[in-house]
Amino acid sequence: MIYSKTLDPDFKHLISKEPGGERIKRCFSCGTCTASCPVREVTDRYNPRKIIRMALLGMKKEVLSSQFIWLCSSCYTCYERCPQNVQIPELMNAIKNIAVREGYTPPVMKAQIDLLSSHGRLLEITEFENEKRTESQLPLLQSRIEDVKMILKELGLYHEEEREPS
């Protein structure tokens, strides 16, 4: 990874103002989170201590644009073992929220947004599903695509010019 020469000293303050990120400045890099992380055992790309350290140093672009912030499984092992009670799963969610707001959306989330904007759900509801629901005496599922698009637009996650077929 190539690191930029520009640091944002206010990045840690931005994170600490985000719900879940309030305790980032408590971390003193003991490594307990990394040692107990099951994701870390599978891939060395995810290292909570490194992510927190980079955030505290002000490496905003590197943290927000990285794919490794999305790897936290929210298993809460680090949460339970952290001697400073940093609450790392919530901290990772805070960083992810900032990343999405600043336009750093991972490909998986982009695919989910595309599904939501085209079907109103993550899975398309066809006549077959509604027939099965009728057989089970369940109400039919109605398409609410416009409502979902309105919510996505309000969140800044939907742009019609990107979604419309050419």
N, C-alpha and C. Protein backbone atom coordinates (compact mmCIF):
# COMPACT_ATOMS: atom_id res chain seq x y z
N MET A 1 0.84 -1.18 0.00
CA MET A 1 0.00 0.00 0.00
C MET A 1 0.88 1.23 0.00
N ILE A 2 0.55 2.20 -0.82
CA ILE A 2 1.29 3.46 -0.87
C ILE A 2 0.56 4.46 0.01
N TYR A 3 1.31 5.08 0.90
CA TYR A 3 0.72 6.04 1.81
C TYR A 3 0.91 7.45 1.30
N SER A 4 -0.11 8.27 1.44
CA SER A 4 0.00 9.65 0.99
C SER A 4 0.80 10.45 2.01
N LYS A 5 1.27 11.57 1.57
CA LYS A 5 2.04 12.43 2.46
C LYS A 5 1.15 13.41 3.20
N THR A 6 -0.15 13.39 2.90
CA THR A 6 -1.06 14.30 3.58
C THR A 6 -1.78 13.55 4.68
N LEU A 7 -1.67 14.09 5.87
CA LEU A 7 -2.35 13.51 7.02
C LEU A 7 -3.44 14.47 7.46
N ASP A 8 -4.51 13.92 7.99
CA ASP A 8 -5.60 14.73 8.50
C ASP A 8 -5.65 14.56 10.01
N PRO A 9 -5.07 15.52 10.76
CA PRO A 9 -5.03 15.39 12.22
C PRO A 9 -6.41 15.40 12.87
N ASP A 10 -7.43 15.83 12.14
CA ASP A 10 -8.78 15.88 12.69
C ASP A 10 -9.57 14.59 12.43
N PHE A 11 -8.96 13.64 11.73
CA PHE A 11 -9.67 12.40 11.40
C PHE A 11 -10.12 11.66 12.66
N LYS A 12 -9.27 11.57 13.65
CA LYS A 12 -9.65 10.88 14.90
C LYS A 12 -10.81 11.58 15.59
N HIS A 13 -10.87 12.91 15.46
CA HIS A 13 -11.98 13.67 16.06
C HIS A 13 -13.28 13.42 15.29
N LEU A 14 -13.16 13.33 13.96
CA LEU A 14 -14.32 13.02 13.13
C LEU A 14 -14.89 11.65 13.52
N ILE A 15 -14.01 10.68 13.70
CA ILE A 15 -14.44 9.34 14.10
C ILE A 15 -15.06 9.38 15.49
N SER A 16 -14.45 10.11 16.41
CA SER A 16 -14.95 10.13 17.79
C SER A 16 -16.31 10.82 17.91
N LYS A 17 -16.68 11.62 16.92
CA LYS A 17 -18.01 12.26 16.92
C LYS A 17 -19.08 11.36 16.31
N GLU A 18 -18.64 10.32 15.62
CA GLU A 18 -19.56 9.37 14.98
C GLU A 18 -20.05 8.37 16.02
N PRO A 19 -21.36 8.04 16.05
CA PRO A 19 -21.83 7.02 16.99
C PRO A 19 -21.04 5.72 16.83
N GLY A 20 -20.48 5.25 17.93
CA GLY A 20 -19.65 4.05 17.92
C GLY A 20 -18.16 4.34 17.92
N GLY A 21 -17.79 5.53 17.54
CA GLY A 21 -16.38 5.87 17.44
C GLY A 21 -15.85 6.68 18.61
N GLU A 22 -16.70 6.88 19.61
CA GLU A 22 -16.36 7.77 20.73
C GLU A 22 -15.10 7.36 21.48
N ARG A 23 -14.76 6.10 21.46
CA ARG A 23 -13.67 5.60 22.30
C ARG A 23 -12.36 5.35 21.55
N ILE A 24 -12.26 5.83 20.32
CA ILE A 24 -11.06 5.55 19.52
C ILE A 24 -9.79 6.05 20.20
N LYS A 25 -9.86 7.17 20.89
CA LYS A 25 -8.66 7.75 21.49
C LYS A 25 -8.21 6.99 22.75
N ARG A 26 -9.00 6.04 23.21
CA ARG A 26 -8.61 5.22 24.36
C ARG A 26 -7.57 4.15 23.98
N CYS A 27 -7.51 3.80 22.71
CA CYS A 27 -6.64 2.71 22.27
C CYS A 27 -5.17 3.08 22.45
N PHE A 28 -4.43 2.18 23.07
CA PHE A 28 -2.99 2.41 23.20
C PHE A 28 -2.19 1.31 22.49
N SER A 29 -2.82 0.67 21.51
CA SER A 29 -2.17 -0.31 20.63
C SER A 29 -1.57 -1.50 21.36
N CYS A 30 -2.31 -2.06 22.29
CA CYS A 30 -1.79 -3.22 23.04
C CYS A 30 -1.80 -4.49 22.18
N GLY A 31 -2.68 -4.55 21.19
CA GLY A 31 -2.74 -5.70 20.30
C GLY A 31 -3.66 -6.81 20.72
N THR A 32 -4.36 -6.65 21.83
CA THR A 32 -5.29 -7.69 22.29
C THR A 32 -6.37 -7.95 21.24
N CYS A 33 -6.84 -6.90 20.60
CA CYS A 33 -7.88 -7.04 19.58
C CYS A 33 -7.40 -7.89 18.41
N THR A 34 -6.19 -7.64 17.97
CA THR A 34 -5.63 -8.36 16.84
C THR A 34 -5.35 -9.82 17.19
N ALA A 35 -4.83 -10.05 18.39
CA ALA A 35 -4.49 -11.41 18.81
C ALA A 35 -5.71 -12.31 18.94
N SER A 36 -6.87 -11.73 19.27
CA SER A 36 -8.06 -12.55 19.48
C SER A 36 -9.04 -12.52 18.31
N CYS A 37 -8.68 -11.86 17.23
CA CYS A 37 -9.60 -11.68 16.09
C CYS A 37 -9.64 -12.92 15.20
N PRO A 38 -10.82 -13.53 15.01
CA PRO A 38 -10.92 -14.70 14.14
C PRO A 38 -10.70 -14.35 12.66
N VAL A 39 -11.05 -13.15 12.25
CA VAL A 39 -10.83 -12.73 10.86
C VAL A 39 -9.32 -12.62 10.61
N ARG A 40 -8.62 -12.11 11.58
CA ARG A 40 -7.16 -11.96 11.48
C ARG A 40 -6.48 -13.31 11.29
N GLU A 41 -7.05 -14.36 11.86
CA GLU A 41 -6.48 -15.70 11.67
C GLU A 41 -6.64 -16.19 10.24
N VAL A 42 -7.66 -15.72 9.56
CA VAL A 42 -7.93 -16.14 8.19
C VAL A 42 -7.14 -15.29 7.19
N THR A 43 -7.06 -14.00 7.44
CA THR A 43 -6.34 -13.11 6.54
C THR A 43 -5.60 -12.04 7.34
N ASP A 44 -4.37 -11.81 6.96
CA ASP A 44 -3.62 -10.77 7.65
C ASP A 44 -3.94 -9.37 7.11
N ARG A 45 -4.85 -9.30 6.14
CA ARG A 45 -5.28 -7.99 5.63
C ARG A 45 -6.08 -7.22 6.68
N TYR A 46 -6.72 -7.94 7.60
CA TYR A 46 -7.52 -7.27 8.64
C TYR A 46 -6.73 -7.26 9.94
N ASN A 47 -6.44 -6.07 10.40
CA ASN A 47 -5.69 -5.89 11.63
C ASN A 47 -6.27 -4.69 12.37
N PRO A 48 -7.15 -4.92 13.34
CA PRO A 48 -7.82 -3.80 14.02
C PRO A 48 -6.83 -2.79 14.63
N ARG A 49 -5.77 -3.29 15.20
CA ARG A 49 -4.79 -2.39 15.82
C ARG A 49 -4.18 -1.47 14.77
N LYS A 50 -3.85 -2.01 13.61
CA LYS A 50 -3.27 -1.20 12.53
C LYS A 50 -4.27 -0.17 12.02
N ILE A 51 -5.52 -0.58 11.85
CA ILE A 51 -6.55 0.35 11.38
C ILE A 51 -6.72 1.51 12.35
N ILE A 52 -6.79 1.19 13.64
CA ILE A 52 -6.94 2.24 14.66
C ILE A 52 -5.72 3.15 14.66
N ARG A 53 -4.55 2.57 14.57
CA ARG A 53 -3.31 3.36 14.56
C ARG A 53 -3.29 4.30 13.36
N MET A 54 -3.64 3.80 12.20
CA MET A 54 -3.69 4.63 10.99
C MET A 54 -4.69 5.77 11.17
N ALA A 55 -5.85 5.47 11.76
CA ALA A 55 -6.86 6.50 11.99
C ALA A 55 -6.36 7.55 12.97
N LEU A 56 -5.71 7.12 14.03
CA LEU A 56 -5.18 8.07 15.02
C LEU A 56 -4.07 8.94 14.43
N LEU A 57 -3.31 8.40 13.50
CA LEU A 57 -2.26 9.17 12.85
C LEU A 57 -2.79 10.15 11.80
N GLY A 58 -4.07 9.99 11.43
CA GLY A 58 -4.68 10.90 10.45
C GLY A 58 -4.61 10.42 9.03
N MET A 59 -4.42 9.14 8.82
CA MET A 59 -4.33 8.57 7.47
C MET A 59 -5.74 8.32 6.93
N LYS A 60 -6.48 9.37 6.82
CA LYS A 60 -7.90 9.31 6.48
C LYS A 60 -8.15 8.61 5.15
N LYS A 61 -7.51 9.08 4.09
CA LYS A 61 -7.77 8.51 2.77
C LYS A 61 -7.42 7.02 2.73
N GLU A 62 -6.30 6.65 3.33
CA GLU A 62 -5.87 5.25 3.32
C GLU A 62 -6.85 4.36 4.08
N VAL A 63 -7.37 4.85 5.19
CA VAL A 63 -8.31 4.05 5.98
C VAL A 63 -9.65 3.95 5.26
N LEU A 64 -10.19 5.08 4.82
CA LEU A 64 -11.52 5.07 4.21
C LEU A 64 -11.56 4.37 2.86
N SER A 65 -10.49 4.43 2.11
CA SER A 65 -10.48 3.82 0.77
C SER A 65 -10.07 2.34 0.80
N SER A 66 -9.64 1.85 1.93
CA SER A 66 -9.17 0.47 2.01
C SER A 66 -10.33 -0.51 2.06
N GLN A 67 -10.07 -1.70 1.58
CA GLN A 67 -11.07 -2.76 1.65
C GLN A 67 -11.06 -3.45 3.00
N PHE A 68 -9.98 -3.30 3.78
CA PHE A 68 -9.88 -4.04 5.02
C PHE A 68 -10.82 -3.56 6.11
N ILE A 69 -11.34 -2.34 6.03
CA ILE A 69 -12.28 -1.90 7.07
C ILE A 69 -13.60 -2.67 7.01
N TRP A 70 -13.87 -3.28 5.87
CA TRP A 70 -15.13 -4.00 5.67
C TRP A 70 -15.05 -5.45 6.11
N LEU A 71 -13.91 -5.90 6.61
CA LEU A 71 -13.73 -7.30 6.95
C LEU A 71 -14.15 -7.67 8.37
N CYS A 72 -14.41 -6.70 9.23
CA CYS A 72 -14.79 -7.00 10.61
C CYS A 72 -16.07 -7.84 10.62
N SER A 73 -16.04 -8.95 11.34
CA SER A 73 -17.20 -9.84 11.39
C SER A 73 -18.13 -9.52 12.55
N SER A 74 -17.78 -8.53 13.36
CA SER A 74 -18.58 -8.14 14.54
C SER A 74 -18.83 -9.32 15.46
N CYS A 75 -17.79 -10.10 15.71
CA CYS A 75 -17.92 -11.26 16.60
C CYS A 75 -17.85 -10.85 18.07
N TYR A 76 -17.35 -9.66 18.35
CA TYR A 76 -17.26 -9.07 19.69
C TYR A 76 -16.20 -9.72 20.58
N THR A 77 -15.32 -10.55 20.02
CA THR A 77 -14.22 -11.10 20.81
C THR A 77 -13.30 -9.97 21.27
N CYS A 78 -12.96 -9.08 20.35
CA CYS A 78 -12.09 -7.95 20.69
C CYS A 78 -12.78 -7.03 21.69
N TYR A 79 -14.06 -6.87 21.54
CA TYR A 79 -14.86 -6.02 22.43
C TYR A 79 -14.76 -6.52 23.87
N GLU A 80 -14.88 -7.83 24.02
CA GLU A 80 -14.86 -8.44 25.35
C GLU A 80 -13.47 -8.43 25.99
N ARG A 81 -12.42 -8.42 25.17
CA ARG A 81 -11.06 -8.54 25.70
C ARG A 81 -10.30 -7.22 25.77
N CYS A 82 -10.78 -6.19 25.17
CA CYS A 82 -10.05 -4.92 25.12
C CYS A 82 -9.92 -4.33 26.53
N PRO A 83 -8.69 -4.11 27.01
CA PRO A 83 -8.52 -3.55 28.37
C PRO A 83 -8.95 -2.09 28.48
N GLN A 84 -9.06 -1.41 27.35
CA GLN A 84 -9.46 0.00 27.36
C GLN A 84 -10.92 0.19 26.95
N ASN A 85 -11.63 -0.91 26.70
CA ASN A 85 -13.04 -0.87 26.32
C ASN A 85 -13.29 0.03 25.10
N VAL A 86 -12.49 -0.19 24.06
CA VAL A 86 -12.58 0.62 22.83
C VAL A 86 -13.84 0.29 22.03
N GLN A 87 -14.39 -0.89 22.18
CA GLN A 87 -15.60 -1.33 21.46
C GLN A 87 -15.36 -1.32 19.95
N ILE A 88 -14.43 -2.13 19.52
CA ILE A 88 -13.95 -2.14 18.15
C ILE A 88 -15.02 -2.43 17.09
N PRO A 89 -15.96 -3.35 17.29
CA PRO A 89 -16.99 -3.53 16.25
C PRO A 89 -17.78 -2.24 15.99
N GLU A 90 -18.12 -1.50 17.06
CA GLU A 90 -18.82 -0.24 16.87
C GLU A 90 -17.92 0.80 16.21
N LEU A 91 -16.64 0.78 16.58
CA LEU A 91 -15.67 1.68 15.97
C LEU A 91 -15.55 1.41 14.47
N MET A 92 -15.49 0.13 14.09
CA MET A 92 -15.41 -0.21 12.66
C MET A 92 -16.67 0.25 11.93
N ASN A 93 -17.83 0.13 12.57
CA ASN A 93 -19.07 0.62 11.95
C ASN A 93 -19.03 2.13 11.77
N ALA A 94 -18.48 2.84 12.74
CA ALA A 94 -18.36 4.29 12.63
C ALA A 94 -17.47 4.66 11.45
N ILE A 95 -16.35 3.96 11.32
CA ILE A 95 -15.44 4.22 10.19
C ILE A 95 -16.12 3.89 8.87
N LYS A 96 -16.86 2.79 8.82
CA LYS A 96 -17.58 2.41 7.60
C LYS A 96 -18.62 3.47 7.23
N ASN A 97 -19.33 3.99 8.24
CA ASN A 97 -20.33 5.03 7.97
C ASN A 97 -19.69 6.27 7.37
N ILE A 98 -18.55 6.66 7.90
CA ILE A 98 -17.83 7.82 7.35
C ILE A 98 -17.39 7.51 5.92
N ALA A 99 -16.87 6.31 5.70
CA ALA A 99 -16.40 5.92 4.37
C ALA A 99 -17.53 6.01 3.34
N VAL A 100 -18.70 5.51 3.68
CA VAL A 100 -19.83 5.56 2.74
C VAL A 100 -20.25 7.00 2.49
N ARG A 101 -20.32 7.80 3.54
CA ARG A 101 -20.69 9.21 3.37
C ARG A 101 -19.71 9.96 2.47
N GLU A 102 -18.46 9.56 2.52
CA GLU A 102 -17.43 10.26 1.73
C GLU A 102 -17.20 9.59 0.37
N GLY A 103 -18.05 8.63 0.01
CA GLY A 103 -18.01 8.05 -1.32
C GLY A 103 -17.14 6.82 -1.49
N TYR A 104 -16.66 6.26 -0.42
CA TYR A 104 -15.85 5.05 -0.49
C TYR A 104 -16.74 3.83 -0.22
N THR A 105 -17.50 3.45 -1.22
CA THR A 105 -18.44 2.35 -1.07
C THR A 105 -17.84 1.08 -1.67
N PRO A 106 -17.81 -0.02 -0.93
CA PRO A 106 -17.23 -1.25 -1.48
C PRO A 106 -18.12 -1.83 -2.58
N PRO A 107 -17.53 -2.61 -3.49
CA PRO A 107 -18.30 -3.18 -4.60
C PRO A 107 -19.52 -3.99 -4.15
N VAL A 108 -19.42 -4.71 -3.05
CA VAL A 108 -20.55 -5.51 -2.57
C VAL A 108 -21.73 -4.60 -2.20
N MET A 109 -21.43 -3.50 -1.54
CA MET A 109 -22.49 -2.58 -1.16
C MET A 109 -23.10 -1.91 -2.40
N LYS A 110 -22.28 -1.61 -3.40
CA LYS A 110 -22.79 -1.03 -4.64
C LYS A 110 -23.76 -2.00 -5.31
N ALA A 111 -23.42 -3.28 -5.28
CA ALA A 111 -24.31 -4.30 -5.87
C ALA A 111 -25.63 -4.36 -5.10
N GLN A 112 -25.57 -4.26 -3.77
CA GLN A 112 -26.79 -4.27 -2.97
C GLN A 112 -27.64 -3.03 -3.25
N ILE A 113 -27.01 -1.89 -3.40
CA ILE A 113 -27.75 -0.66 -3.72
C ILE A 113 -28.42 -0.80 -5.08
N ASP A 114 -27.73 -1.40 -6.05
CA ASP A 114 -28.32 -1.63 -7.37
C ASP A 114 -29.54 -2.54 -7.26
N LEU A 115 -29.44 -3.60 -6.47
CA LEU A 115 -30.58 -4.51 -6.28
C LEU A 115 -31.75 -3.79 -5.61
N LEU A 116 -31.44 -3.01 -4.57
CA LEU A 116 -32.50 -2.28 -3.87
C LEU A 116 -33.18 -1.28 -4.80
N SER A 117 -32.41 -0.59 -5.64
CA SER A 117 -33.00 0.41 -6.51
C SER A 117 -33.77 -0.19 -7.68
N SER A 118 -33.42 -1.42 -8.08
CA SER A 118 -34.14 -2.02 -9.20
C SER A 118 -35.31 -2.92 -8.76
N HIS A 119 -35.23 -3.50 -7.55
CA HIS A 119 -36.29 -4.41 -7.10
C HIS A 119 -36.99 -3.95 -5.82
N GLY A 120 -36.41 -2.97 -5.14
CA GLY A 120 -36.98 -2.53 -3.87
C GLY A 120 -36.62 -3.45 -2.72
N ARG A 121 -35.87 -4.50 -3.02
CA ARG A 121 -35.43 -5.51 -2.05
C ARG A 121 -34.10 -6.06 -2.53
N LEU A 122 -33.45 -6.84 -1.67
CA LEU A 122 -32.22 -7.49 -2.08
C LEU A 122 -32.48 -8.69 -2.98
N LEU A 123 -33.69 -9.21 -2.92
CA LEU A 123 -34.11 -10.30 -3.80
C LEU A 123 -35.38 -9.90 -4.53
N GLU A 124 -35.42 -10.19 -5.80
CA GLU A 124 -36.60 -9.86 -6.58
C GLU A 124 -37.76 -10.76 -6.17
N ILE A 125 -38.93 -10.18 -5.99
CA ILE A 125 -40.13 -10.94 -5.67
C ILE A 125 -40.89 -11.14 -6.99
N THR A 126 -41.01 -12.39 -7.40
CA THR A 126 -41.69 -12.70 -8.66
C THR A 126 -43.08 -13.25 -8.36
N GLU A 127 -43.81 -13.56 -9.42
CA GLU A 127 -45.13 -14.16 -9.26
C GLU A 127 -45.03 -15.50 -8.53
N PHE A 128 -43.95 -16.24 -8.78
CA PHE A 128 -43.77 -17.53 -8.13
C PHE A 128 -43.75 -17.39 -6.61
N GLU A 129 -42.98 -16.43 -6.10
CA GLU A 129 -42.92 -16.23 -4.65
C GLU A 129 -44.29 -15.84 -4.10
N ASN A 130 -44.99 -14.98 -4.80
CA ASN A 130 -46.31 -14.57 -4.33
C ASN A 130 -47.33 -15.71 -4.41
N GLU A 131 -47.20 -16.59 -5.41
CA GLU A 131 -48.07 -17.77 -5.48
C GLU A 131 -47.84 -18.67 -4.27
N LYS A 132 -46.58 -18.88 -3.92
CA LYS A 132 -46.24 -19.70 -2.74
C LYS A 132 -46.76 -19.04 -1.47
N ARG A 133 -46.69 -17.72 -1.40
CA ARG A 133 -47.21 -17.01 -0.22
C ARG A 133 -48.73 -17.19 -0.13
N THR A 134 -49.41 -17.15 -1.28
CA THR A 134 -50.86 -17.34 -1.30
C THR A 134 -51.21 -18.74 -0.82
N GLU A 135 -50.46 -19.73 -1.29
CA GLU A 135 -50.69 -21.12 -0.86
C GLU A 135 -50.51 -21.27 0.65
N SER A 136 -49.62 -20.50 1.23
CA SER A 136 -49.36 -20.56 2.67
C SER A 136 -50.23 -19.57 3.44
N GLN A 137 -51.17 -18.96 2.75
CA GLN A 137 -52.10 -17.98 3.32
C GLN A 137 -51.37 -16.77 3.92
N LEU A 138 -50.32 -16.36 3.22
CA LEU A 138 -49.59 -15.15 3.61
C LEU A 138 -49.97 -14.02 2.66
N PRO A 139 -49.88 -12.79 3.11
CA PRO A 139 -50.21 -11.68 2.21
C PRO A 139 -49.19 -11.56 1.08
N LEU A 140 -49.63 -11.05 -0.06
CA LEU A 140 -48.73 -10.85 -1.19
C LEU A 140 -47.74 -9.74 -0.86
N LEU A 141 -46.54 -9.86 -1.39
CA LEU A 141 -45.53 -8.82 -1.21
C LEU A 141 -45.64 -7.84 -2.37
N GLN A 142 -45.79 -6.60 -2.05
CA GLN A 142 -45.93 -5.57 -3.06
C GLN A 142 -44.57 -4.93 -3.33
N SER A 143 -44.39 -4.50 -4.55
CA SER A 143 -43.16 -3.81 -4.92
C SER A 143 -43.23 -2.36 -4.43
N ARG A 144 -42.21 -1.91 -3.73
CA ARG A 144 -42.17 -0.55 -3.20
C ARG A 144 -40.90 0.14 -3.70
N ILE A 145 -40.60 -0.04 -4.99
CA ILE A 145 -39.35 0.45 -5.55
C ILE A 145 -39.20 1.96 -5.37
N GLU A 146 -40.25 2.72 -5.63
CA GLU A 146 -40.14 4.18 -5.54
C GLU A 146 -39.85 4.63 -4.11
N ASP A 147 -40.44 3.96 -3.13
CA ASP A 147 -40.16 4.31 -1.73
C ASP A 147 -38.70 4.05 -1.39
N VAL A 148 -38.18 2.92 -1.86
CA VAL A 148 -36.78 2.57 -1.59
C VAL A 148 -35.86 3.56 -2.30
N LYS A 149 -36.18 3.89 -3.55
CA LYS A 149 -35.36 4.87 -4.28
C LYS A 149 -35.34 6.21 -3.56
N MET A 150 -36.47 6.61 -3.01
CA MET A 150 -36.54 7.88 -2.29
C MET A 150 -35.61 7.85 -1.07
N ILE A 151 -35.62 6.74 -0.34
CA ILE A 151 -34.74 6.60 0.83
C ILE A 151 -33.28 6.62 0.39
N LEU A 152 -32.95 5.87 -0.66
CA LEU A 152 -31.57 5.84 -1.16
C LEU A 152 -31.12 7.22 -1.64
N LYS A 153 -32.03 7.96 -2.29
CA LYS A 153 -31.69 9.32 -2.72
C LYS A 153 -31.43 10.21 -1.52
N GLU A 154 -32.26 10.10 -0.51
CA GLU A 154 -32.11 10.90 0.71
C GLU A 154 -30.77 10.61 1.39
N LEU A 155 -30.33 9.36 1.33
CA LEU A 155 -29.06 8.97 1.92
C LEU A 155 -27.87 9.29 1.02
N GLY A 156 -28.16 9.74 -0.20
CA GLY A 156 -27.09 10.05 -1.15
C GLY A 156 -26.48 8.81 -1.79
N LEU A 157 -27.23 7.70 -1.79
CA LEU A 157 -26.72 6.45 -2.32
C LEU A 157 -27.30 6.08 -3.68
N TYR A 158 -28.22 6.89 -4.19
CA TYR A 158 -28.86 6.58 -5.47
C TYR A 158 -28.79 7.80 -6.37
N HIS A 159 -28.27 7.56 -7.57
CA HIS A 159 -28.20 8.63 -8.56
C HIS A 159 -28.78 8.08 -9.85
N GLU A 160 -29.89 8.66 -10.31
CA GLU A 160 -30.62 8.12 -11.46
C GLU A 160 -29.76 8.02 -12.70
N GLU A 161 -28.90 9.00 -12.95
CA GLU A 161 -28.10 8.98 -14.18
C GLU A 161 -27.16 7.78 -14.20
N GLU A 162 -26.77 7.24 -13.04
CA GLU A 162 -25.89 6.08 -13.00
C GLU A 162 -26.68 4.79 -13.19
N ARG A 163 -27.97 4.78 -12.88
CA ARG A 163 -28.74 3.55 -12.86
C ARG A 163 -29.58 3.33 -14.13
N GLU A 164 -29.89 4.40 -14.83
CA GLU A 164 -30.79 4.28 -15.97
C GLU A 164 -30.07 3.58 -17.13
N PRO A 165 -30.75 2.64 -17.79
CA PRO A 165 -30.12 1.97 -18.95
C PRO A 165 -29.94 2.95 -20.10
N SER A 166 -28.90 2.73 -20.90
CA SER A 166 -28.65 3.66 -22.01
C SER A 166 -29.29 3.20 -23.29
